Each structure stands twice: as structure tokens, then as C-alpha cells.
Amino acid sequence: MGGSVVIKQSGTRAVSVPQPFLFPEGCWGREGAGEAAFWVCVRTRPRWEKKFAEWMLARRRTFFMPVFRHETSSGRKRRTSQIPLFPGFVFVAGDYHKKDFAATGCVAYVLRPRGAQEAAQLRRELRDVWRGLTSGLYVEPVRNLAAGETCRIKAGPLCGVEAKFERMGRVGRLILQVDMMGGGVAVEVPADEVDVL
């Protein structure tokens, strides 16, 4: 469940090292594993999830940063990357507060479950996400958009246009209403070409 980074050492060949998305690797693998842990949601600065995960790995602290494969193409080049499933969040096992991560310089705040019931629910949901990601099935993030929510199209011929979410269309596409001159048109746009405002 990881991508890889290339690390070059002087005088030697480049070595591919797995990026850290889960530590320890078997923390959700066994039945009941991870059940006793108290998990918190660490909110990082934008696009600092992987740096924070590396910091956790260096200290051998249990964390989970679910990712999914994202493929893009530009001309003849095809690029595959690992994108955080929950942008800006890394899940950490332990009773931590923001001050515990002050040395990283990349933590905005820490969300902690309120009570045993929320803690158990978070553990269960994280385990289920892990099971989904390791099932071998195709996984992609799903946005919970409400009808009428404002979006901005970020690619294609309507790039920059603001629209209102209407409903889900065919697989991976959104139906958006674009208002024009007192009326409107409905367009079908791939979900990854839309930002929620």
C-alpha cells in the first residue's frame, strides 16, 4: 500500500525506498490488532502529510495515512502517484496533543475522539479503510457533496467556471449546473476536475 521514493547516495546507484503510509506494517493485519489503541486525527499543513509520516516513522510511532493510486497523463508521459485519501490528515495511535508534535513544524491541530464510543468508532473506521485499500478492489475517494454546493471546475474547456453540484452522474463524474444569462445548463464533469469551494 505504498508508493516509492528514489534516494540517491553518492557513488552508488539510486535505491527505491517505500514511502511510509502505515507503521507498523501489520498494525491492522491481525484480527483485533489496533483495537486497543487510542487513535487521533492529526491535521497537517497543506501537502505536508508525507513529511509528517516520515517524522513519525523515524520515531517508530504507529500511524496510518491511507493513500490511493492516482494516474495522470500529459502528452505521452504517464505518471502514477500516491495521493492521501484524506488530504491534510494522518491518523496516529496514542493519546497525543498538538504540543507532542511541535518539533515537526507542520501540525495545525489534533482532533481527539470525545469518549470511548467515538474512539471505538474511529478505530473501526480506520480498520475498515485499511481493509478496503488492501482488498485488491479499485478504490477512489468519494466526496459527500450536498445538492446546491458550490464547486469550481479546475480542468477542461470549462476550467475556472463556478457551478452548483446537482447529483452524481456516471461512474466518477458529477453533474453540475452552470448558471448562464438567467438560465443554466447541466454539465457532466470528472470528479477529479472539480474543487469544492
N, C-alpha and C. Protein backbone atom coordinates (compact mmCIF):
# COMPACT_ATOMS: atom_id res chain seq x y z
N MET A 1 0.82 -1.20 0.00
CA MET A 1 0.00 0.00 0.00
C MET A 1 0.85 1.24 0.00
N GLY A 2 1.96 1.20 -0.64
CA GLY A 2 2.77 2.40 -0.66
C GLY A 2 3.34 2.68 -2.02
N GLY A 3 3.76 3.89 -2.22
CA GLY A 3 4.48 4.26 -3.43
C GLY A 3 5.94 4.10 -3.12
N SER A 4 6.77 4.78 -3.87
CA SER A 4 8.18 4.72 -3.53
C SER A 4 8.84 6.04 -3.87
N VAL A 5 9.93 6.28 -3.20
CA VAL A 5 10.74 7.45 -3.48
C VAL A 5 12.12 6.95 -3.87
N VAL A 6 12.81 7.71 -4.68
CA VAL A 6 14.16 7.31 -5.09
C VAL A 6 15.16 8.11 -4.28
N ILE A 7 16.06 7.42 -3.63
CA ILE A 7 17.09 8.06 -2.82
C ILE A 7 18.43 7.78 -3.48
N LYS A 8 19.18 8.83 -3.77
CA LYS A 8 20.50 8.67 -4.39
C LYS A 8 21.58 8.86 -3.34
N GLN A 9 22.52 7.95 -3.36
CA GLN A 9 23.67 8.07 -2.47
C GLN A 9 24.88 8.31 -3.35
N SER A 10 25.79 9.17 -2.90
CA SER A 10 26.95 9.49 -3.74
C SER A 10 27.78 8.24 -4.02
N GLY A 11 28.11 8.07 -5.30
CA GLY A 11 28.95 6.94 -5.71
C GLY A 11 28.21 5.62 -5.84
N THR A 12 26.90 5.61 -5.65
CA THR A 12 26.14 4.36 -5.77
C THR A 12 24.93 4.58 -6.66
N ARG A 13 24.27 3.48 -7.00
CA ARG A 13 23.06 3.56 -7.80
C ARG A 13 21.91 4.09 -6.95
N ALA A 14 20.85 4.59 -7.64
CA ALA A 14 19.66 5.04 -6.94
C ALA A 14 18.95 3.83 -6.34
N VAL A 15 18.44 4.00 -5.14
CA VAL A 15 17.74 2.93 -4.44
C VAL A 15 16.31 3.35 -4.21
N SER A 16 15.36 2.45 -4.51
CA SER A 16 13.95 2.76 -4.30
C SER A 16 13.55 2.35 -2.89
N VAL A 17 12.97 3.30 -2.16
CA VAL A 17 12.57 3.05 -0.78
C VAL A 17 11.07 3.29 -0.65
N PRO A 18 10.33 2.36 -0.05
CA PRO A 18 8.88 2.56 0.07
C PRO A 18 8.56 3.82 0.89
N GLN A 19 7.56 4.57 0.43
CA GLN A 19 7.11 5.72 1.22
C GLN A 19 6.29 5.21 2.39
N PRO A 20 6.35 5.88 3.51
CA PRO A 20 5.63 5.39 4.69
C PRO A 20 4.15 5.81 4.67
N PHE A 21 3.25 4.83 4.63
CA PHE A 21 1.83 5.14 4.71
C PHE A 21 1.18 4.43 5.89
N LEU A 22 1.88 3.43 6.42
CA LEU A 22 1.36 2.68 7.56
C LEU A 22 2.55 2.16 8.35
N PHE A 23 2.53 2.38 9.66
CA PHE A 23 3.59 1.83 10.51
C PHE A 23 3.00 1.49 11.88
N PRO A 24 3.30 0.31 12.42
CA PRO A 24 4.00 -0.79 11.77
C PRO A 24 3.12 -1.43 10.70
N GLU A 25 3.76 -2.12 9.75
CA GLU A 25 3.05 -2.65 8.60
C GLU A 25 1.88 -3.55 8.98
N GLY A 26 2.03 -4.35 10.02
CA GLY A 26 0.97 -5.29 10.39
C GLY A 26 0.01 -4.77 11.45
N CYS A 27 -0.05 -3.46 11.66
CA CYS A 27 -0.88 -2.96 12.77
C CYS A 27 -2.37 -3.24 12.59
N TRP A 28 -2.86 -3.40 11.35
CA TRP A 28 -4.27 -3.77 11.15
C TRP A 28 -4.41 -5.19 10.65
N GLY A 29 -3.27 -5.88 10.43
CA GLY A 29 -3.31 -7.19 9.78
C GLY A 29 -3.96 -8.31 10.55
N ARG A 30 -3.73 -8.40 11.82
CA ARG A 30 -4.28 -9.50 12.62
C ARG A 30 -5.64 -9.11 13.16
N GLU A 31 -6.51 -10.08 13.33
CA GLU A 31 -7.82 -9.82 13.91
C GLU A 31 -7.64 -9.22 15.29
N GLY A 32 -8.21 -8.08 15.51
CA GLY A 32 -8.11 -7.42 16.82
C GLY A 32 -6.91 -6.50 16.93
N ALA A 33 -5.99 -6.56 15.95
CA ALA A 33 -4.81 -5.68 16.02
C ALA A 33 -5.26 -4.23 15.89
N GLY A 34 -4.69 -3.37 16.68
CA GLY A 34 -5.04 -1.96 16.63
C GLY A 34 -6.29 -1.63 17.44
N GLU A 35 -6.96 -2.67 17.96
CA GLU A 35 -8.21 -2.43 18.69
C GLU A 35 -7.98 -1.72 20.01
N ALA A 36 -6.86 -1.99 20.66
CA ALA A 36 -6.63 -1.40 21.98
C ALA A 36 -6.11 0.03 21.89
N ALA A 37 -5.65 0.42 20.74
CA ALA A 37 -5.03 1.74 20.60
C ALA A 37 -6.08 2.85 20.56
N PHE A 38 -5.70 3.99 21.12
CA PHE A 38 -6.49 5.21 21.03
C PHE A 38 -5.92 5.98 19.85
N TRP A 39 -6.75 6.31 18.86
CA TRP A 39 -6.28 6.98 17.66
C TRP A 39 -6.74 8.43 17.65
N VAL A 40 -5.87 9.32 17.15
CA VAL A 40 -6.22 10.73 16.97
C VAL A 40 -6.00 11.10 15.50
N CYS A 41 -6.68 12.16 15.06
CA CYS A 41 -6.53 12.67 13.69
C CYS A 41 -5.63 13.90 13.76
N VAL A 42 -4.48 13.83 13.13
CA VAL A 42 -3.55 14.94 13.13
C VAL A 42 -3.74 15.72 11.82
N ARG A 43 -4.08 16.98 11.95
CA ARG A 43 -4.28 17.86 10.78
C ARG A 43 -2.96 18.55 10.50
N THR A 44 -2.40 18.28 9.31
CA THR A 44 -1.13 18.88 8.95
C THR A 44 -1.34 20.13 8.10
N ARG A 45 -0.28 20.87 7.90
CA ARG A 45 -0.33 21.96 6.93
C ARG A 45 -0.58 21.35 5.56
N PRO A 46 -1.16 22.11 4.62
CA PRO A 46 -1.46 21.55 3.29
C PRO A 46 -0.23 20.90 2.65
N ARG A 47 -0.43 19.67 2.15
CA ARG A 47 0.58 18.89 1.43
C ARG A 47 1.79 18.51 2.27
N TRP A 48 1.62 18.44 3.60
CA TRP A 48 2.70 18.03 4.48
C TRP A 48 2.45 16.67 5.11
N GLU A 49 1.45 15.94 4.62
CA GLU A 49 1.11 14.65 5.22
C GLU A 49 2.29 13.68 5.17
N LYS A 50 2.95 13.60 4.02
CA LYS A 50 4.04 12.64 3.86
C LYS A 50 5.25 13.01 4.71
N LYS A 51 5.54 14.30 4.83
CA LYS A 51 6.65 14.73 5.70
C LYS A 51 6.36 14.34 7.14
N PHE A 52 5.11 14.55 7.58
CA PHE A 52 4.75 14.19 8.95
C PHE A 52 4.85 12.67 9.13
N ALA A 53 4.41 11.90 8.13
CA ALA A 53 4.51 10.43 8.22
C ALA A 53 5.96 9.99 8.33
N GLU A 54 6.85 10.64 7.58
CA GLU A 54 8.27 10.31 7.67
C GLU A 54 8.82 10.62 9.06
N TRP A 55 8.37 11.73 9.65
CA TRP A 55 8.80 12.11 11.01
C TRP A 55 8.34 11.05 12.01
N MET A 56 7.09 10.58 11.84
CA MET A 56 6.57 9.53 12.74
C MET A 56 7.36 8.23 12.57
N LEU A 57 7.65 7.88 11.32
CA LEU A 57 8.38 6.64 11.05
C LEU A 57 9.77 6.68 11.69
N ALA A 58 10.43 7.83 11.59
CA ALA A 58 11.78 7.96 12.17
C ALA A 58 11.76 7.74 13.68
N ARG A 59 10.62 8.02 14.32
CA ARG A 59 10.47 7.83 15.77
C ARG A 59 9.77 6.53 16.11
N ARG A 60 9.45 5.73 15.07
CA ARG A 60 8.82 4.42 15.23
C ARG A 60 7.50 4.51 15.99
N ARG A 61 6.71 5.53 15.68
CA ARG A 61 5.39 5.70 16.29
C ARG A 61 4.33 5.21 15.30
N THR A 62 3.31 4.56 15.82
CA THR A 62 2.26 3.97 14.98
C THR A 62 1.40 5.05 14.33
N PHE A 63 1.27 4.97 12.99
CA PHE A 63 0.44 5.92 12.27
C PHE A 63 -0.17 5.25 11.05
N PHE A 64 -1.18 5.88 10.49
CA PHE A 64 -1.85 5.40 9.29
C PHE A 64 -2.21 6.60 8.43
N MET A 65 -1.71 6.62 7.19
CA MET A 65 -2.03 7.68 6.25
C MET A 65 -2.54 6.99 4.98
N PRO A 66 -3.87 6.72 4.91
CA PRO A 66 -4.38 5.99 3.75
C PRO A 66 -4.15 6.76 2.46
N VAL A 67 -3.75 6.04 1.41
CA VAL A 67 -3.49 6.65 0.11
C VAL A 67 -4.18 5.84 -0.99
N PHE A 68 -4.37 6.47 -2.14
CA PHE A 68 -4.88 5.76 -3.30
C PHE A 68 -4.02 6.13 -4.50
N ARG A 69 -4.01 5.25 -5.50
CA ARG A 69 -3.22 5.49 -6.72
C ARG A 69 -3.93 6.51 -7.59
N HIS A 70 -3.18 7.47 -8.08
CA HIS A 70 -3.73 8.50 -8.95
C HIS A 70 -2.86 8.57 -10.19
N GLU A 71 -3.48 8.37 -11.36
CA GLU A 71 -2.72 8.39 -12.61
C GLU A 71 -3.08 9.63 -13.41
N THR A 72 -2.06 10.28 -13.95
CA THR A 72 -2.27 11.43 -14.81
C THR A 72 -1.43 11.22 -16.06
N SER A 73 -1.84 11.86 -17.14
CA SER A 73 -1.05 11.78 -18.35
C SER A 73 -0.95 13.15 -18.98
N SER A 74 0.22 13.42 -19.52
CA SER A 74 0.48 14.68 -20.20
C SER A 74 1.25 14.33 -21.47
N GLY A 75 0.57 14.46 -22.60
CA GLY A 75 1.20 14.03 -23.85
C GLY A 75 1.40 12.53 -23.83
N ARG A 76 2.63 12.10 -23.97
CA ARG A 76 2.93 10.67 -23.95
C ARG A 76 3.36 10.17 -22.58
N LYS A 77 3.56 11.08 -21.67
CA LYS A 77 4.03 10.69 -20.34
C LYS A 77 2.86 10.32 -19.45
N ARG A 78 3.02 9.23 -18.73
CA ARG A 78 2.01 8.77 -17.78
C ARG A 78 2.66 8.73 -16.40
N ARG A 79 2.00 9.33 -15.43
CA ARG A 79 2.58 9.41 -14.09
C ARG A 79 1.61 8.82 -13.08
N THR A 80 2.14 7.98 -12.20
CA THR A 80 1.34 7.39 -11.14
C THR A 80 1.88 7.90 -9.81
N SER A 81 0.98 8.38 -8.97
CA SER A 81 1.41 8.86 -7.66
C SER A 81 0.46 8.35 -6.59
N GLN A 82 0.88 8.43 -5.36
CA GLN A 82 0.07 8.02 -4.22
C GLN A 82 -0.45 9.29 -3.56
N ILE A 83 -1.76 9.46 -3.54
CA ILE A 83 -2.40 10.66 -3.00
C ILE A 83 -3.09 10.31 -1.70
N PRO A 84 -2.94 11.14 -0.65
CA PRO A 84 -3.65 10.86 0.60
C PRO A 84 -5.17 10.81 0.37
N LEU A 85 -5.79 9.78 0.91
CA LEU A 85 -7.24 9.62 0.79
C LEU A 85 -7.97 10.71 1.56
N PHE A 86 -7.38 11.16 2.67
CA PHE A 86 -7.94 12.25 3.46
C PHE A 86 -6.91 13.38 3.48
N PRO A 87 -6.94 14.26 2.47
CA PRO A 87 -5.91 15.30 2.38
C PRO A 87 -5.78 16.11 3.66
N GLY A 88 -4.53 16.24 4.12
CA GLY A 88 -4.26 17.04 5.32
C GLY A 88 -4.36 16.27 6.62
N PHE A 89 -4.69 14.97 6.57
CA PHE A 89 -4.84 14.21 7.81
C PHE A 89 -3.96 12.98 7.84
N VAL A 90 -3.36 12.72 9.00
CA VAL A 90 -2.63 11.49 9.29
C VAL A 90 -3.19 11.00 10.62
N PHE A 91 -3.47 9.70 10.70
CA PHE A 91 -4.05 9.13 11.92
C PHE A 91 -2.93 8.51 12.75
N VAL A 92 -2.92 8.83 14.04
CA VAL A 92 -1.83 8.42 14.92
C VAL A 92 -2.39 7.67 16.11
N ALA A 93 -1.77 6.53 16.43
CA ALA A 93 -2.18 5.74 17.58
C ALA A 93 -1.51 6.30 18.82
N GLY A 94 -2.30 6.68 19.81
CA GLY A 94 -1.77 7.22 21.06
C GLY A 94 -2.57 8.41 21.53
N ASP A 95 -2.41 8.73 22.78
CA ASP A 95 -3.15 9.83 23.40
C ASP A 95 -2.33 11.11 23.25
N TYR A 96 -2.30 11.65 22.02
CA TYR A 96 -1.44 12.79 21.71
C TYR A 96 -2.21 14.10 21.64
N HIS A 97 -1.46 15.19 21.84
CA HIS A 97 -1.97 16.55 21.71
C HIS A 97 -1.06 17.29 20.73
N LYS A 98 -1.45 18.46 20.31
CA LYS A 98 -0.66 19.24 19.33
C LYS A 98 0.76 19.48 19.82
N LYS A 99 0.93 19.75 21.10
CA LYS A 99 2.27 20.05 21.64
C LYS A 99 3.24 18.88 21.47
N ASP A 100 2.69 17.65 21.37
CA ASP A 100 3.55 16.47 21.17
C ASP A 100 4.22 16.46 19.81
N PHE A 101 3.68 17.25 18.87
CA PHE A 101 4.23 17.28 17.51
C PHE A 101 4.80 18.65 17.16
N ALA A 102 5.05 19.48 18.15
CA ALA A 102 5.55 20.84 17.91
C ALA A 102 6.86 20.84 17.12
N ALA A 103 7.70 19.84 17.33
CA ALA A 103 9.00 19.78 16.66
C ALA A 103 8.88 19.59 15.16
N THR A 104 7.74 19.12 14.68
CA THR A 104 7.59 18.87 13.23
C THR A 104 7.43 20.18 12.46
N GLY A 105 6.81 21.17 13.07
CA GLY A 105 6.53 22.43 12.39
C GLY A 105 5.46 22.32 11.32
N CYS A 106 4.75 21.19 11.26
CA CYS A 106 3.76 21.02 10.20
C CYS A 106 2.37 20.62 10.69
N VAL A 107 2.15 20.62 12.01
CA VAL A 107 0.85 20.21 12.55
C VAL A 107 0.02 21.44 12.90
N ALA A 108 -1.18 21.50 12.33
CA ALA A 108 -2.09 22.62 12.60
C ALA A 108 -2.88 22.38 13.88
N TYR A 109 -3.44 21.18 14.01
CA TYR A 109 -4.18 20.82 15.22
C TYR A 109 -4.38 19.31 15.27
N VAL A 110 -4.85 18.83 16.42
CA VAL A 110 -5.11 17.40 16.62
C VAL A 110 -6.57 17.24 17.02
N LEU A 111 -7.29 16.39 16.29
CA LEU A 111 -8.68 16.08 16.63
C LEU A 111 -8.68 14.79 17.44
N ARG A 112 -9.29 14.86 18.61
CA ARG A 112 -9.32 13.71 19.51
C ARG A 112 -10.75 13.22 19.68
N PRO A 113 -10.97 11.90 19.70
CA PRO A 113 -12.31 11.39 19.95
C PRO A 113 -12.82 11.83 21.32
N ARG A 114 -14.12 12.11 21.40
CA ARG A 114 -14.74 12.50 22.68
C ARG A 114 -15.41 11.28 23.27
N GLY A 115 -14.70 10.60 24.13
CA GLY A 115 -15.26 9.45 24.81
C GLY A 115 -14.93 8.13 24.13
N ALA A 116 -15.25 7.05 24.86
CA ALA A 116 -14.91 5.70 24.43
C ALA A 116 -15.66 5.29 23.16
N GLN A 117 -16.90 5.74 23.02
CA GLN A 117 -17.69 5.36 21.86
C GLN A 117 -17.11 5.94 20.57
N GLU A 118 -16.74 7.22 20.58
CA GLU A 118 -16.11 7.84 19.39
C GLU A 118 -14.75 7.22 19.11
N ALA A 119 -13.99 6.89 20.18
CA ALA A 119 -12.68 6.27 19.98
C ALA A 119 -12.82 4.91 19.32
N ALA A 120 -13.79 4.12 19.77
CA ALA A 120 -14.03 2.79 19.19
C ALA A 120 -14.49 2.92 17.74
N GLN A 121 -15.33 3.91 17.46
CA GLN A 121 -15.81 4.12 16.09
C GLN A 121 -14.67 4.50 15.16
N LEU A 122 -13.78 5.39 15.61
CA LEU A 122 -12.63 5.78 14.79
C LEU A 122 -11.73 4.59 14.51
N ARG A 123 -11.44 3.77 15.53
CA ARG A 123 -10.62 2.56 15.33
C ARG A 123 -11.25 1.66 14.27
N ARG A 124 -12.55 1.43 14.41
CA ARG A 124 -13.28 0.55 13.49
C ARG A 124 -13.25 1.11 12.06
N GLU A 125 -13.48 2.42 11.91
CA GLU A 125 -13.49 3.03 10.58
C GLU A 125 -12.12 3.00 9.93
N LEU A 126 -11.07 3.24 10.71
CA LEU A 126 -9.71 3.18 10.16
C LEU A 126 -9.37 1.76 9.72
N ARG A 127 -9.75 0.78 10.53
CA ARG A 127 -9.51 -0.62 10.16
C ARG A 127 -10.25 -0.96 8.87
N ASP A 128 -11.50 -0.49 8.73
CA ASP A 128 -12.29 -0.77 7.53
C ASP A 128 -11.69 -0.10 6.30
N VAL A 129 -11.16 1.12 6.46
CA VAL A 129 -10.49 1.79 5.35
C VAL A 129 -9.28 0.97 4.93
N TRP A 130 -8.48 0.51 5.90
CA TRP A 130 -7.32 -0.32 5.60
C TRP A 130 -7.75 -1.58 4.85
N ARG A 131 -8.82 -2.22 5.30
CA ARG A 131 -9.30 -3.44 4.64
C ARG A 131 -9.70 -3.15 3.20
N GLY A 132 -10.36 -2.02 2.98
CA GLY A 132 -10.75 -1.65 1.62
C GLY A 132 -9.55 -1.41 0.73
N LEU A 133 -8.54 -0.72 1.26
CA LEU A 133 -7.35 -0.41 0.48
C LEU A 133 -6.51 -1.64 0.15
N THR A 134 -6.54 -2.65 1.01
CA THR A 134 -5.73 -3.85 0.80
C THR A 134 -6.54 -4.99 0.20
N SER A 135 -7.78 -4.74 -0.17
CA SER A 135 -8.65 -5.80 -0.69
C SER A 135 -8.33 -6.18 -2.13
N GLY A 136 -7.60 -5.32 -2.84
CA GLY A 136 -7.34 -5.57 -4.25
C GLY A 136 -8.40 -4.96 -5.15
N LEU A 137 -9.45 -4.40 -4.56
CA LEU A 137 -10.50 -3.75 -5.34
C LEU A 137 -10.08 -2.33 -5.70
N TYR A 138 -10.69 -1.77 -6.74
CA TYR A 138 -10.40 -0.40 -7.12
C TYR A 138 -10.98 0.54 -6.07
N VAL A 139 -10.16 1.46 -5.59
CA VAL A 139 -10.57 2.39 -4.53
C VAL A 139 -10.35 3.81 -5.03
N GLU A 140 -11.33 4.68 -4.80
CA GLU A 140 -11.16 6.10 -5.09
C GLU A 140 -11.91 6.89 -4.03
N PRO A 141 -11.47 8.11 -3.76
CA PRO A 141 -12.16 8.91 -2.74
C PRO A 141 -13.54 9.32 -3.22
N VAL A 142 -14.46 9.44 -2.28
CA VAL A 142 -15.82 9.87 -2.58
C VAL A 142 -16.07 11.15 -1.82
N ARG A 143 -16.58 12.14 -2.50
CA ARG A 143 -16.91 13.40 -1.83
C ARG A 143 -18.37 13.37 -1.45
N ASN A 144 -18.67 13.82 -0.26
CA ASN A 144 -20.05 13.93 0.17
C ASN A 144 -20.54 15.34 -0.13
N LEU A 145 -20.92 15.55 -1.38
CA LEU A 145 -21.40 16.86 -1.79
C LEU A 145 -22.90 16.95 -1.57
N ALA A 146 -23.35 18.09 -1.10
CA ALA A 146 -24.79 18.32 -0.93
C ALA A 146 -25.31 19.06 -2.16
N ALA A 147 -26.55 18.79 -2.52
CA ALA A 147 -27.15 19.47 -3.67
C ALA A 147 -27.07 20.98 -3.45
N GLY A 148 -26.62 21.70 -4.46
CA GLY A 148 -26.50 23.15 -4.37
C GLY A 148 -25.15 23.64 -3.89
N GLU A 149 -24.25 22.72 -3.49
CA GLU A 149 -22.93 23.12 -3.02
C GLU A 149 -22.11 23.69 -4.18
N THR A 150 -21.42 24.80 -3.93
CA THR A 150 -20.67 25.48 -5.00
C THR A 150 -19.32 24.81 -5.24
N CYS A 151 -19.01 24.60 -6.51
CA CYS A 151 -17.77 23.96 -6.94
C CYS A 151 -17.11 24.84 -8.00
N ARG A 152 -15.81 24.61 -8.21
CA ARG A 152 -15.11 25.28 -9.32
C ARG A 152 -14.47 24.20 -10.17
N ILE A 153 -14.71 24.28 -11.48
CA ILE A 153 -14.13 23.32 -12.41
C ILE A 153 -12.68 23.72 -12.63
N LYS A 154 -11.75 22.77 -12.46
CA LYS A 154 -10.33 23.11 -12.50
C LYS A 154 -9.57 22.58 -13.70
N ALA A 155 -10.28 21.93 -14.64
CA ALA A 155 -9.62 21.43 -15.85
C ALA A 155 -10.63 21.36 -16.98
N GLY A 156 -10.13 21.20 -18.18
CA GLY A 156 -11.02 21.07 -19.33
C GLY A 156 -11.48 22.40 -19.88
N PRO A 157 -12.42 22.37 -20.84
CA PRO A 157 -12.86 23.60 -21.51
C PRO A 157 -13.59 24.57 -20.59
N LEU A 158 -14.12 24.10 -19.46
CA LEU A 158 -14.83 24.98 -18.52
C LEU A 158 -13.96 25.34 -17.31
N CYS A 159 -12.66 25.21 -17.45
CA CYS A 159 -11.73 25.50 -16.35
C CYS A 159 -11.99 26.90 -15.79
N GLY A 160 -12.13 26.98 -14.44
CA GLY A 160 -12.35 28.26 -13.78
C GLY A 160 -13.81 28.61 -13.56
N VAL A 161 -14.72 27.89 -14.21
CA VAL A 161 -16.15 28.17 -14.08
C VAL A 161 -16.67 27.65 -12.75
N GLU A 162 -17.48 28.47 -12.06
CA GLU A 162 -18.13 28.02 -10.82
C GLU A 162 -19.49 27.43 -11.16
N ALA A 163 -19.85 26.36 -10.47
CA ALA A 163 -21.10 25.66 -10.74
C ALA A 163 -21.67 25.13 -9.44
N LYS A 164 -22.91 24.68 -9.47
CA LYS A 164 -23.56 24.09 -8.30
C LYS A 164 -23.70 22.59 -8.52
N PHE A 165 -23.34 21.81 -7.49
CA PHE A 165 -23.48 20.36 -7.57
C PHE A 165 -24.95 20.00 -7.62
N GLU A 166 -25.30 19.14 -8.57
CA GLU A 166 -26.68 18.72 -8.72
C GLU A 166 -26.87 17.28 -8.25
N ARG A 167 -26.09 16.35 -8.83
CA ARG A 167 -26.20 14.93 -8.47
C ARG A 167 -25.01 14.18 -9.04
N MET A 168 -24.85 12.94 -8.60
CA MET A 168 -23.81 12.08 -9.15
C MET A 168 -24.25 11.58 -10.51
N GLY A 169 -23.34 11.56 -11.46
CA GLY A 169 -23.64 11.04 -12.79
C GLY A 169 -23.08 9.64 -12.94
N ARG A 170 -22.56 9.36 -14.12
CA ARG A 170 -21.94 8.06 -14.36
C ARG A 170 -20.70 7.92 -13.49
N VAL A 171 -20.13 6.75 -13.49
CA VAL A 171 -19.01 6.43 -12.61
C VAL A 171 -17.95 7.53 -12.61
N GLY A 172 -17.67 8.08 -11.42
CA GLY A 172 -16.61 9.06 -11.24
C GLY A 172 -16.91 10.43 -11.82
N ARG A 173 -18.16 10.71 -12.16
CA ARG A 173 -18.48 12.00 -12.75
C ARG A 173 -19.58 12.70 -11.95
N LEU A 174 -19.54 14.03 -11.98
CA LEU A 174 -20.52 14.83 -11.26
C LEU A 174 -21.36 15.61 -12.26
N ILE A 175 -22.63 15.77 -11.94
CA ILE A 175 -23.50 16.63 -12.75
C ILE A 175 -23.52 17.99 -12.06
N LEU A 176 -23.06 19.01 -12.75
CA LEU A 176 -23.00 20.36 -12.21
C LEU A 176 -23.92 21.28 -13.01
N GLN A 177 -24.52 22.22 -12.33
CA GLN A 177 -25.36 23.21 -13.01
C GLN A 177 -24.56 24.50 -13.13
N VAL A 178 -24.39 24.94 -14.37
CA VAL A 178 -23.67 26.17 -14.64
C VAL A 178 -24.70 27.23 -15.01
N ASP A 179 -24.79 28.29 -14.21
CA ASP A 179 -25.76 29.36 -14.49
C ASP A 179 -25.21 30.28 -15.55
N MET A 180 -26.06 30.57 -16.55
CA MET A 180 -25.66 31.47 -17.63
C MET A 180 -26.85 32.33 -18.05
N MET A 181 -26.66 33.62 -18.02
CA MET A 181 -27.65 34.56 -18.53
C MET A 181 -29.06 34.26 -18.03
N GLY A 182 -29.21 34.08 -16.74
CA GLY A 182 -30.53 33.87 -16.15
C GLY A 182 -31.05 32.45 -16.27
N GLY A 183 -30.39 31.61 -17.04
CA GLY A 183 -30.77 30.21 -17.16
C GLY A 183 -29.62 29.35 -16.70
N GLY A 184 -29.52 28.16 -17.21
CA GLY A 184 -28.41 27.31 -16.82
C GLY A 184 -28.32 26.09 -17.69
N VAL A 185 -27.19 25.43 -17.63
CA VAL A 185 -27.00 24.16 -18.32
C VAL A 185 -26.41 23.17 -17.33
N ALA A 186 -26.71 21.90 -17.54
CA ALA A 186 -26.13 20.85 -16.71
C ALA A 186 -24.96 20.25 -17.48
N VAL A 187 -23.81 20.15 -16.84
CA VAL A 187 -22.64 19.54 -17.48
C VAL A 187 -22.17 18.37 -16.64
N GLU A 188 -21.58 17.39 -17.29
CA GLU A 188 -21.05 16.22 -16.60
C GLU A 188 -19.53 16.33 -16.60
N VAL A 189 -18.94 16.34 -15.42
CA VAL A 189 -17.51 16.62 -15.26
C VAL A 189 -16.88 15.52 -14.41
N PRO A 190 -15.68 15.02 -14.77
CA PRO A 190 -15.00 14.05 -13.90
C PRO A 190 -14.78 14.64 -12.50
N ALA A 191 -14.99 13.84 -11.48
CA ALA A 191 -14.88 14.30 -10.09
C ALA A 191 -13.51 14.89 -9.78
N ASP A 192 -12.44 14.37 -10.40
CA ASP A 192 -11.11 14.90 -10.07
C ASP A 192 -10.80 16.21 -10.77
N GLU A 193 -11.76 16.73 -11.54
CA GLU A 193 -11.58 18.03 -12.18
C GLU A 193 -12.38 19.12 -11.48
N VAL A 194 -12.81 18.84 -10.24
CA VAL A 194 -13.67 19.77 -9.51
C VAL A 194 -13.10 20.04 -8.13
N ASP A 195 -13.05 21.31 -7.74
CA ASP A 195 -12.70 21.71 -6.37
C ASP A 195 -13.96 22.21 -5.69
N VAL A 196 -14.15 21.82 -4.42
CA VAL A 196 -15.29 22.33 -3.67
C VAL A 196 -14.88 23.65 -3.03
N LEU A 197 -15.71 24.67 -3.17
CA LEU A 197 -15.39 25.99 -2.63
C LEU A 197 -15.88 26.13 -1.19
